[in-house]
Amino acid sequence: MSGNRRHPLGTLWNEFNQVQDEFAKWLGRATTVTGIPAPQISVWEDENTVFAEADLPGVDPANLEVTVTEGNQLTVVGERKPPEVPTAAWIRQERPFGKFTRVVGLPALVDADKVEAKYVDGVLRLTLPKHEAAKPRKIVVKGE
């Protein structure tokens, strides 16, 4: 089944993403190639599932695209539209807007067909069930 094959550079790509994330933490933010701050994404796992959350206030869920590639690469693409203030003048504008892309390596292969995404109160919550190949299996040891 070709959907479970890993890209030959997958491990290197994961390490690159981790280094990029560490630099982003060091600088206090993650940015995309366009310079627009990318969303911060928290990822954690239990025995059967990987979970992810991203704070995306002001982003219309219709402008979000979530994909899983290579079985362990989570990509969130979206756009925060600029606020419309036709009769006002900006005093300060610190909230970024524009298109963003964030790619995060996941700690295990996930079953992309079973991923659930919910957007509530500006928070994107993802439930990514682990692929059967990534789940621990108990091996029965037989004596002679």
N, C-alpha and C. Protein backbone atom coordinates (compact mmCIF):
# COMPACT_ATOMS: atom_id res chain seq x y z
N MET A 1 0.85 -1.16 0.00
CA MET A 1 0.00 0.00 0.00
C MET A 1 0.90 1.23 0.00
N SER A 2 0.84 2.03 -1.04
CA SER A 2 1.76 3.15 -1.22
C SER A 2 1.51 4.29 -0.25
N GLY A 3 0.32 4.40 0.35
CA GLY A 3 0.03 5.49 1.28
C GLY A 3 0.84 5.40 2.56
N ASN A 4 1.39 4.22 2.86
CA ASN A 4 2.15 4.05 4.10
C ASN A 4 3.65 4.15 3.89
N ARG A 5 4.09 4.28 2.65
CA ARG A 5 5.53 4.38 2.40
C ARG A 5 6.05 5.71 2.88
N ARG A 6 7.21 5.70 3.45
CA ARG A 6 7.82 6.92 3.92
C ARG A 6 8.72 7.50 2.84
N HIS A 7 8.77 8.79 2.80
CA HIS A 7 9.65 9.49 1.88
C HIS A 7 11.08 9.23 2.31
N PRO A 8 12.02 9.02 1.39
CA PRO A 8 13.40 8.72 1.77
C PRO A 8 14.04 9.84 2.59
N LEU A 9 13.57 11.05 2.43
CA LEU A 9 14.12 12.17 3.20
C LEU A 9 13.21 12.54 4.36
N GLY A 10 12.24 11.69 4.69
CA GLY A 10 11.27 11.99 5.74
C GLY A 10 11.91 12.28 7.08
N THR A 11 12.88 11.45 7.49
CA THR A 11 13.54 11.66 8.77
C THR A 11 14.31 12.98 8.78
N LEU A 12 15.00 13.24 7.69
CA LEU A 12 15.74 14.51 7.58
C LEU A 12 14.77 15.68 7.63
N TRP A 13 13.63 15.56 6.95
CA TRP A 13 12.62 16.62 6.94
C TRP A 13 12.09 16.86 8.35
N ASN A 14 11.84 15.76 9.11
CA ASN A 14 11.38 15.90 10.50
C ASN A 14 12.40 16.65 11.33
N GLU A 15 13.66 16.30 11.18
CA GLU A 15 14.71 16.97 11.94
C GLU A 15 14.81 18.44 11.55
N PHE A 16 14.67 18.74 10.26
CA PHE A 16 14.70 20.12 9.81
C PHE A 16 13.55 20.91 10.44
N ASN A 17 12.36 20.31 10.48
CA ASN A 17 11.21 20.97 11.10
C ASN A 17 11.45 21.22 12.58
N GLN A 18 12.07 20.26 13.27
CA GLN A 18 12.34 20.44 14.69
C GLN A 18 13.33 21.58 14.92
N VAL A 19 14.36 21.66 14.08
CA VAL A 19 15.33 22.76 14.19
C VAL A 19 14.63 24.08 13.91
N GLN A 20 13.80 24.12 12.89
CA GLN A 20 13.06 25.34 12.57
C GLN A 20 12.16 25.75 13.74
N ASP A 21 11.48 24.78 14.35
CA ASP A 21 10.63 25.08 15.50
C ASP A 21 11.44 25.62 16.67
N GLU A 22 12.62 25.04 16.90
CA GLU A 22 13.47 25.51 18.00
C GLU A 22 13.93 26.95 17.76
N PHE A 23 14.32 27.26 16.53
CA PHE A 23 14.70 28.64 16.22
C PHE A 23 13.52 29.58 16.41
N ALA A 24 12.34 29.11 16.00
CA ALA A 24 11.15 29.94 16.16
C ALA A 24 10.88 30.22 17.64
N LYS A 25 11.04 29.19 18.48
CA LYS A 25 10.86 29.40 19.93
C LYS A 25 11.89 30.39 20.45
N TRP A 26 13.12 30.23 19.98
CA TRP A 26 14.21 31.10 20.43
C TRP A 26 13.92 32.55 20.04
N LEU A 27 13.37 32.74 18.85
CA LEU A 27 13.03 34.08 18.39
C LEU A 27 11.68 34.55 18.93
N GLY A 28 10.95 33.64 19.57
CA GLY A 28 9.67 34.00 20.15
C GLY A 28 8.50 33.89 19.19
N ARG A 29 8.74 33.34 18.03
CA ARG A 29 7.65 33.21 17.07
C ARG A 29 8.05 32.25 15.95
N ALA A 30 7.05 31.76 15.25
CA ALA A 30 7.29 30.97 14.05
C ALA A 30 6.82 31.82 12.88
N THR A 31 7.59 31.83 11.81
CA THR A 31 7.17 32.60 10.64
C THR A 31 7.17 31.71 9.42
N THR A 32 6.39 32.12 8.45
CA THR A 32 6.37 31.41 7.18
C THR A 32 7.41 32.07 6.28
N VAL A 33 7.56 31.53 5.09
CA VAL A 33 8.53 32.10 4.15
C VAL A 33 8.15 33.52 3.74
N THR A 34 6.88 33.87 3.89
CA THR A 34 6.46 35.23 3.54
C THR A 34 6.68 36.20 4.69
N GLY A 35 7.12 35.69 5.83
CA GLY A 35 7.36 36.55 6.99
C GLY A 35 6.14 36.72 7.87
N ILE A 36 5.01 36.16 7.48
CA ILE A 36 3.81 36.24 8.30
C ILE A 36 3.93 35.21 9.42
N PRO A 37 3.68 35.60 10.66
CA PRO A 37 3.78 34.62 11.75
C PRO A 37 2.87 33.42 11.51
N ALA A 38 3.45 32.25 11.62
CA ALA A 38 2.68 31.01 11.46
C ALA A 38 2.08 30.64 12.80
N PRO A 39 1.00 29.89 12.78
CA PRO A 39 0.36 29.53 14.05
C PRO A 39 1.26 28.62 14.89
N GLN A 40 1.18 28.80 16.18
CA GLN A 40 1.86 27.90 17.11
C GLN A 40 1.02 26.63 17.20
N ILE A 41 1.68 25.48 17.12
CA ILE A 41 0.96 24.21 17.15
C ILE A 41 1.53 23.35 18.27
N SER A 42 0.65 22.89 19.15
CA SER A 42 1.04 21.96 20.21
C SER A 42 0.67 20.56 19.75
N VAL A 43 1.58 19.60 19.98
CA VAL A 43 1.35 18.21 19.57
C VAL A 43 1.67 17.32 20.76
N TRP A 44 0.79 16.35 21.04
CA TRP A 44 1.05 15.36 22.08
C TRP A 44 0.41 14.05 21.65
N GLU A 45 0.74 12.98 22.34
CA GLU A 45 0.24 11.66 21.95
C GLU A 45 -0.07 10.80 23.15
N ASP A 46 -0.93 9.83 22.92
CA ASP A 46 -1.11 8.75 23.87
C ASP A 46 -0.84 7.45 23.10
N GLU A 47 -1.25 6.33 23.63
CA GLU A 47 -0.92 5.06 23.01
C GLU A 47 -1.52 4.89 21.61
N ASN A 48 -2.72 5.45 21.40
CA ASN A 48 -3.44 5.22 20.14
C ASN A 48 -3.61 6.43 19.25
N THR A 49 -3.33 7.62 19.77
CA THR A 49 -3.70 8.83 19.05
C THR A 49 -2.65 9.92 19.22
N VAL A 50 -2.51 10.73 18.15
CA VAL A 50 -1.72 11.96 18.22
C VAL A 50 -2.74 13.10 18.21
N PHE A 51 -2.50 14.10 19.04
CA PHE A 51 -3.39 15.25 19.12
C PHE A 51 -2.60 16.51 18.76
N ALA A 52 -3.29 17.47 18.16
CA ALA A 52 -2.65 18.74 17.85
C ALA A 52 -3.67 19.86 18.04
N GLU A 53 -3.16 21.01 18.48
CA GLU A 53 -4.00 22.20 18.64
C GLU A 53 -3.25 23.41 18.10
N ALA A 54 -3.99 24.29 17.44
CA ALA A 54 -3.42 25.54 16.94
C ALA A 54 -4.38 26.68 17.27
N ASP A 55 -3.85 27.76 17.84
CA ASP A 55 -4.65 28.95 18.09
C ASP A 55 -4.72 29.76 16.82
N LEU A 56 -5.93 29.94 16.31
CA LEU A 56 -6.12 30.64 15.04
C LEU A 56 -7.26 31.66 15.17
N PRO A 57 -7.14 32.60 16.11
CA PRO A 57 -8.23 33.57 16.28
C PRO A 57 -8.41 34.42 15.03
N GLY A 58 -9.66 34.64 14.70
CA GLY A 58 -9.96 35.49 13.55
C GLY A 58 -9.84 34.82 12.20
N VAL A 59 -9.54 33.53 12.18
CA VAL A 59 -9.42 32.80 10.91
C VAL A 59 -10.74 32.10 10.64
N ASP A 60 -11.29 32.34 9.47
CA ASP A 60 -12.52 31.68 9.05
C ASP A 60 -12.20 30.21 8.77
N PRO A 61 -12.90 29.27 9.40
CA PRO A 61 -12.59 27.85 9.15
C PRO A 61 -12.71 27.47 7.67
N ALA A 62 -13.49 28.23 6.90
CA ALA A 62 -13.58 27.97 5.47
C ALA A 62 -12.26 28.28 4.77
N ASN A 63 -11.39 29.06 5.42
CA ASN A 63 -10.08 29.40 4.85
C ASN A 63 -8.96 28.53 5.41
N LEU A 64 -9.30 27.40 6.02
CA LEU A 64 -8.30 26.47 6.56
C LEU A 64 -8.25 25.20 5.72
N GLU A 65 -7.03 24.72 5.50
CA GLU A 65 -6.82 23.44 4.82
C GLU A 65 -5.84 22.64 5.67
N VAL A 66 -6.25 21.45 6.08
CA VAL A 66 -5.43 20.58 6.90
C VAL A 66 -5.16 19.32 6.11
N THR A 67 -3.88 18.95 5.99
CA THR A 67 -3.53 17.72 5.27
C THR A 67 -2.50 16.93 6.07
N VAL A 68 -2.50 15.63 5.84
CA VAL A 68 -1.47 14.75 6.38
C VAL A 68 -0.83 14.07 5.19
N THR A 69 0.49 14.22 5.07
CA THR A 69 1.22 13.58 3.98
C THR A 69 2.32 12.70 4.56
N GLU A 70 2.75 11.75 3.78
CA GLU A 70 3.80 10.81 4.19
C GLU A 70 3.43 10.06 5.47
N GLY A 71 2.18 10.18 5.91
CA GLY A 71 1.74 9.50 7.12
C GLY A 71 2.13 10.18 8.41
N ASN A 72 3.09 11.15 8.35
CA ASN A 72 3.52 11.78 9.59
C ASN A 72 3.87 13.27 9.43
N GLN A 73 3.37 13.90 8.39
CA GLN A 73 3.60 15.33 8.19
C GLN A 73 2.25 16.05 8.21
N LEU A 74 2.05 16.89 9.21
CA LEU A 74 0.82 17.67 9.33
C LEU A 74 1.06 19.04 8.72
N THR A 75 0.17 19.44 7.82
CA THR A 75 0.27 20.75 7.20
C THR A 75 -1.03 21.52 7.45
N VAL A 76 -0.88 22.74 7.95
CA VAL A 76 -2.03 23.62 8.15
C VAL A 76 -1.80 24.85 7.28
N VAL A 77 -2.73 25.09 6.36
CA VAL A 77 -2.66 26.24 5.47
C VAL A 77 -3.91 27.08 5.72
N GLY A 78 -3.74 28.36 5.80
CA GLY A 78 -4.90 29.20 6.04
C GLY A 78 -4.63 30.65 5.70
N GLU A 79 -5.63 31.44 5.99
CA GLU A 79 -5.50 32.87 5.75
C GLU A 79 -6.33 33.63 6.77
N ARG A 80 -5.71 34.63 7.35
CA ARG A 80 -6.42 35.57 8.22
C ARG A 80 -6.61 36.83 7.41
N LYS A 81 -7.86 37.17 7.16
CA LYS A 81 -8.16 38.36 6.36
C LYS A 81 -7.92 39.62 7.19
N PRO A 82 -7.47 40.69 6.55
CA PRO A 82 -7.28 41.94 7.28
C PRO A 82 -8.63 42.52 7.69
N PRO A 83 -8.68 43.13 8.87
CA PRO A 83 -9.95 43.72 9.29
C PRO A 83 -10.29 44.92 8.41
N GLU A 84 -11.58 45.08 8.19
CA GLU A 84 -12.03 46.22 7.38
C GLU A 84 -12.37 47.38 8.30
N VAL A 85 -11.69 48.47 8.12
CA VAL A 85 -11.95 49.68 8.92
C VAL A 85 -12.03 50.88 7.96
N PRO A 86 -13.09 50.96 7.17
CA PRO A 86 -13.15 51.95 6.10
C PRO A 86 -13.15 53.41 6.56
N THR A 87 -13.68 53.69 7.73
CA THR A 87 -13.76 55.10 8.16
C THR A 87 -12.82 55.41 9.31
N ALA A 88 -11.91 54.50 9.63
CA ALA A 88 -11.02 54.71 10.77
C ALA A 88 -9.56 54.71 10.32
N ALA A 89 -8.71 55.24 11.16
CA ALA A 89 -7.26 55.23 10.90
C ALA A 89 -6.59 54.34 11.95
N TRP A 90 -5.68 53.52 11.49
CA TRP A 90 -4.97 52.63 12.40
C TRP A 90 -4.07 53.44 13.34
N ILE A 91 -4.11 53.11 14.61
CA ILE A 91 -3.19 53.66 15.61
C ILE A 91 -2.06 52.65 15.82
N ARG A 92 -2.45 51.39 15.93
CA ARG A 92 -1.50 50.29 16.11
C ARG A 92 -2.10 49.06 15.47
N GLN A 93 -1.28 48.31 14.74
CA GLN A 93 -1.75 47.09 14.11
C GLN A 93 -0.72 46.00 14.34
N GLU A 94 -0.94 45.21 15.40
CA GLU A 94 0.02 44.17 15.78
C GLU A 94 -0.45 42.77 15.41
N ARG A 95 -1.72 42.59 15.16
CA ARG A 95 -2.22 41.27 14.77
C ARG A 95 -1.93 41.04 13.30
N PRO A 96 -1.19 39.98 12.99
CA PRO A 96 -0.83 39.73 11.59
C PRO A 96 -2.01 39.22 10.78
N PHE A 97 -1.94 39.45 9.50
CA PHE A 97 -2.94 38.89 8.59
C PHE A 97 -2.23 38.48 7.32
N GLY A 98 -2.92 37.64 6.56
CA GLY A 98 -2.36 37.12 5.32
C GLY A 98 -2.39 35.61 5.33
N LYS A 99 -1.78 35.03 4.31
CA LYS A 99 -1.75 33.57 4.16
C LYS A 99 -0.58 33.00 4.97
N PHE A 100 -0.79 31.81 5.49
CA PHE A 100 0.27 31.12 6.23
C PHE A 100 0.24 29.64 5.92
N THR A 101 1.37 29.00 6.10
CA THR A 101 1.51 27.55 5.98
C THR A 101 2.40 27.09 7.12
N ARG A 102 2.00 26.04 7.79
CA ARG A 102 2.80 25.48 8.87
C ARG A 102 2.86 23.98 8.67
N VAL A 103 4.07 23.44 8.64
CA VAL A 103 4.28 22.00 8.50
C VAL A 103 4.94 21.51 9.77
N VAL A 104 4.36 20.47 10.35
CA VAL A 104 4.88 19.92 11.61
C VAL A 104 5.04 18.41 11.43
N GLY A 105 6.19 17.90 11.82
CA GLY A 105 6.40 16.46 11.82
C GLY A 105 5.69 15.83 13.01
N LEU A 106 5.00 14.73 12.77
CA LEU A 106 4.29 14.03 13.83
C LEU A 106 5.15 12.90 14.38
N PRO A 107 4.95 12.52 15.65
CA PRO A 107 5.80 11.52 16.28
C PRO A 107 5.55 10.09 15.82
N ALA A 108 4.46 9.86 15.06
CA ALA A 108 4.14 8.51 14.61
C ALA A 108 3.34 8.60 13.32
N LEU A 109 3.28 7.48 12.60
CA LEU A 109 2.42 7.42 11.42
C LEU A 109 0.97 7.49 11.87
N VAL A 110 0.15 8.27 11.15
CA VAL A 110 -1.26 8.36 11.50
C VAL A 110 -2.11 7.89 10.32
N ASP A 111 -3.34 7.52 10.63
CA ASP A 111 -4.28 7.08 9.61
C ASP A 111 -5.02 8.32 9.10
N ALA A 112 -4.59 8.85 7.97
CA ALA A 112 -5.13 10.10 7.43
C ALA A 112 -6.62 10.02 7.15
N ASP A 113 -7.14 8.83 6.87
CA ASP A 113 -8.57 8.68 6.58
C ASP A 113 -9.45 8.85 7.83
N LYS A 114 -8.86 8.78 9.01
CA LYS A 114 -9.63 8.85 10.25
C LYS A 114 -9.38 10.13 11.05
N VAL A 115 -8.64 11.07 10.48
CA VAL A 115 -8.33 12.32 11.18
C VAL A 115 -9.60 13.14 11.34
N GLU A 116 -9.77 13.72 12.53
CA GLU A 116 -10.90 14.61 12.80
C GLU A 116 -10.37 15.99 13.11
N ALA A 117 -11.02 17.01 12.55
CA ALA A 117 -10.62 18.40 12.78
C ALA A 117 -11.84 19.18 13.25
N LYS A 118 -11.68 19.90 14.36
CA LYS A 118 -12.75 20.75 14.89
C LYS A 118 -12.18 22.14 15.13
N TYR A 119 -12.98 23.13 14.83
CA TYR A 119 -12.59 24.53 15.03
C TYR A 119 -13.62 25.17 15.95
N VAL A 120 -13.22 25.43 17.19
CA VAL A 120 -14.12 25.99 18.18
C VAL A 120 -13.44 27.15 18.88
N ASP A 121 -14.11 28.29 18.92
CA ASP A 121 -13.61 29.48 19.62
C ASP A 121 -12.20 29.87 19.18
N GLY A 122 -11.92 29.74 17.89
CA GLY A 122 -10.63 30.16 17.36
C GLY A 122 -9.50 29.16 17.57
N VAL A 123 -9.84 27.96 18.04
CA VAL A 123 -8.82 26.93 18.26
C VAL A 123 -9.11 25.74 17.34
N LEU A 124 -8.12 25.36 16.54
CA LEU A 124 -8.21 24.18 15.69
C LEU A 124 -7.71 22.99 16.51
N ARG A 125 -8.58 21.99 16.68
CA ARG A 125 -8.22 20.79 17.44
C ARG A 125 -8.26 19.60 16.49
N LEU A 126 -7.15 18.88 16.44
CA LEU A 126 -7.03 17.72 15.55
C LEU A 126 -6.85 16.45 16.36
N THR A 127 -7.56 15.42 15.96
CA THR A 127 -7.41 14.09 16.53
C THR A 127 -6.93 13.20 15.39
N LEU A 128 -5.71 12.68 15.54
CA LEU A 128 -5.07 11.91 14.47
C LEU A 128 -4.78 10.49 14.97
N PRO A 129 -5.69 9.54 14.70
CA PRO A 129 -5.46 8.17 15.15
C PRO A 129 -4.18 7.59 14.55
N LYS A 130 -3.43 6.92 15.39
CA LYS A 130 -2.19 6.30 14.91
C LYS A 130 -2.51 5.15 13.96
N HIS A 131 -1.66 5.00 12.96
CA HIS A 131 -1.78 3.89 12.02
C HIS A 131 -1.46 2.60 12.77
N GLU A 132 -2.10 1.52 12.38
CA GLU A 132 -1.87 0.23 13.05
C GLU A 132 -0.38 -0.12 13.11
N ALA A 133 0.37 0.22 12.06
CA ALA A 133 1.80 -0.10 12.03
C ALA A 133 2.58 0.66 13.09
N ALA A 134 2.03 1.78 13.58
CA ALA A 134 2.74 2.60 14.57
C ALA A 134 2.39 2.22 16.00
N LYS A 135 1.36 1.41 16.17
CA LYS A 135 0.92 1.04 17.53
C LYS A 135 1.80 -0.09 18.07
N PRO A 136 2.07 -0.04 19.37
CA PRO A 136 2.87 -1.12 19.96
C PRO A 136 2.11 -2.45 19.93
N ARG A 137 2.85 -3.51 19.71
CA ARG A 137 2.25 -4.82 19.68
C ARG A 137 2.95 -5.69 20.72
N LYS A 138 2.13 -6.41 21.47
CA LYS A 138 2.67 -7.33 22.44
C LYS A 138 3.03 -8.64 21.73
N ILE A 139 4.25 -9.07 21.92
CA ILE A 139 4.73 -10.30 21.27
C ILE A 139 4.74 -11.40 22.34
N VAL A 140 4.09 -12.49 22.00
CA VAL A 140 4.06 -13.62 22.91
C VAL A 140 5.36 -14.39 22.76
N VAL A 141 6.04 -14.61 23.88
CA VAL A 141 7.29 -15.37 23.87
C VAL A 141 6.95 -16.81 24.27
N LYS A 142 7.33 -17.73 23.39
CA LYS A 142 7.04 -19.14 23.63
C LYS A 142 8.29 -19.86 24.10
N GLY A 143 8.13 -20.74 25.02
CA GLY A 143 9.25 -21.57 25.47
C GLY A 143 9.42 -22.76 24.55
N GLU A 144 10.51 -23.48 24.73
CA GLU A 144 10.78 -24.64 23.86
C GLU A 144 9.90 -25.80 24.16
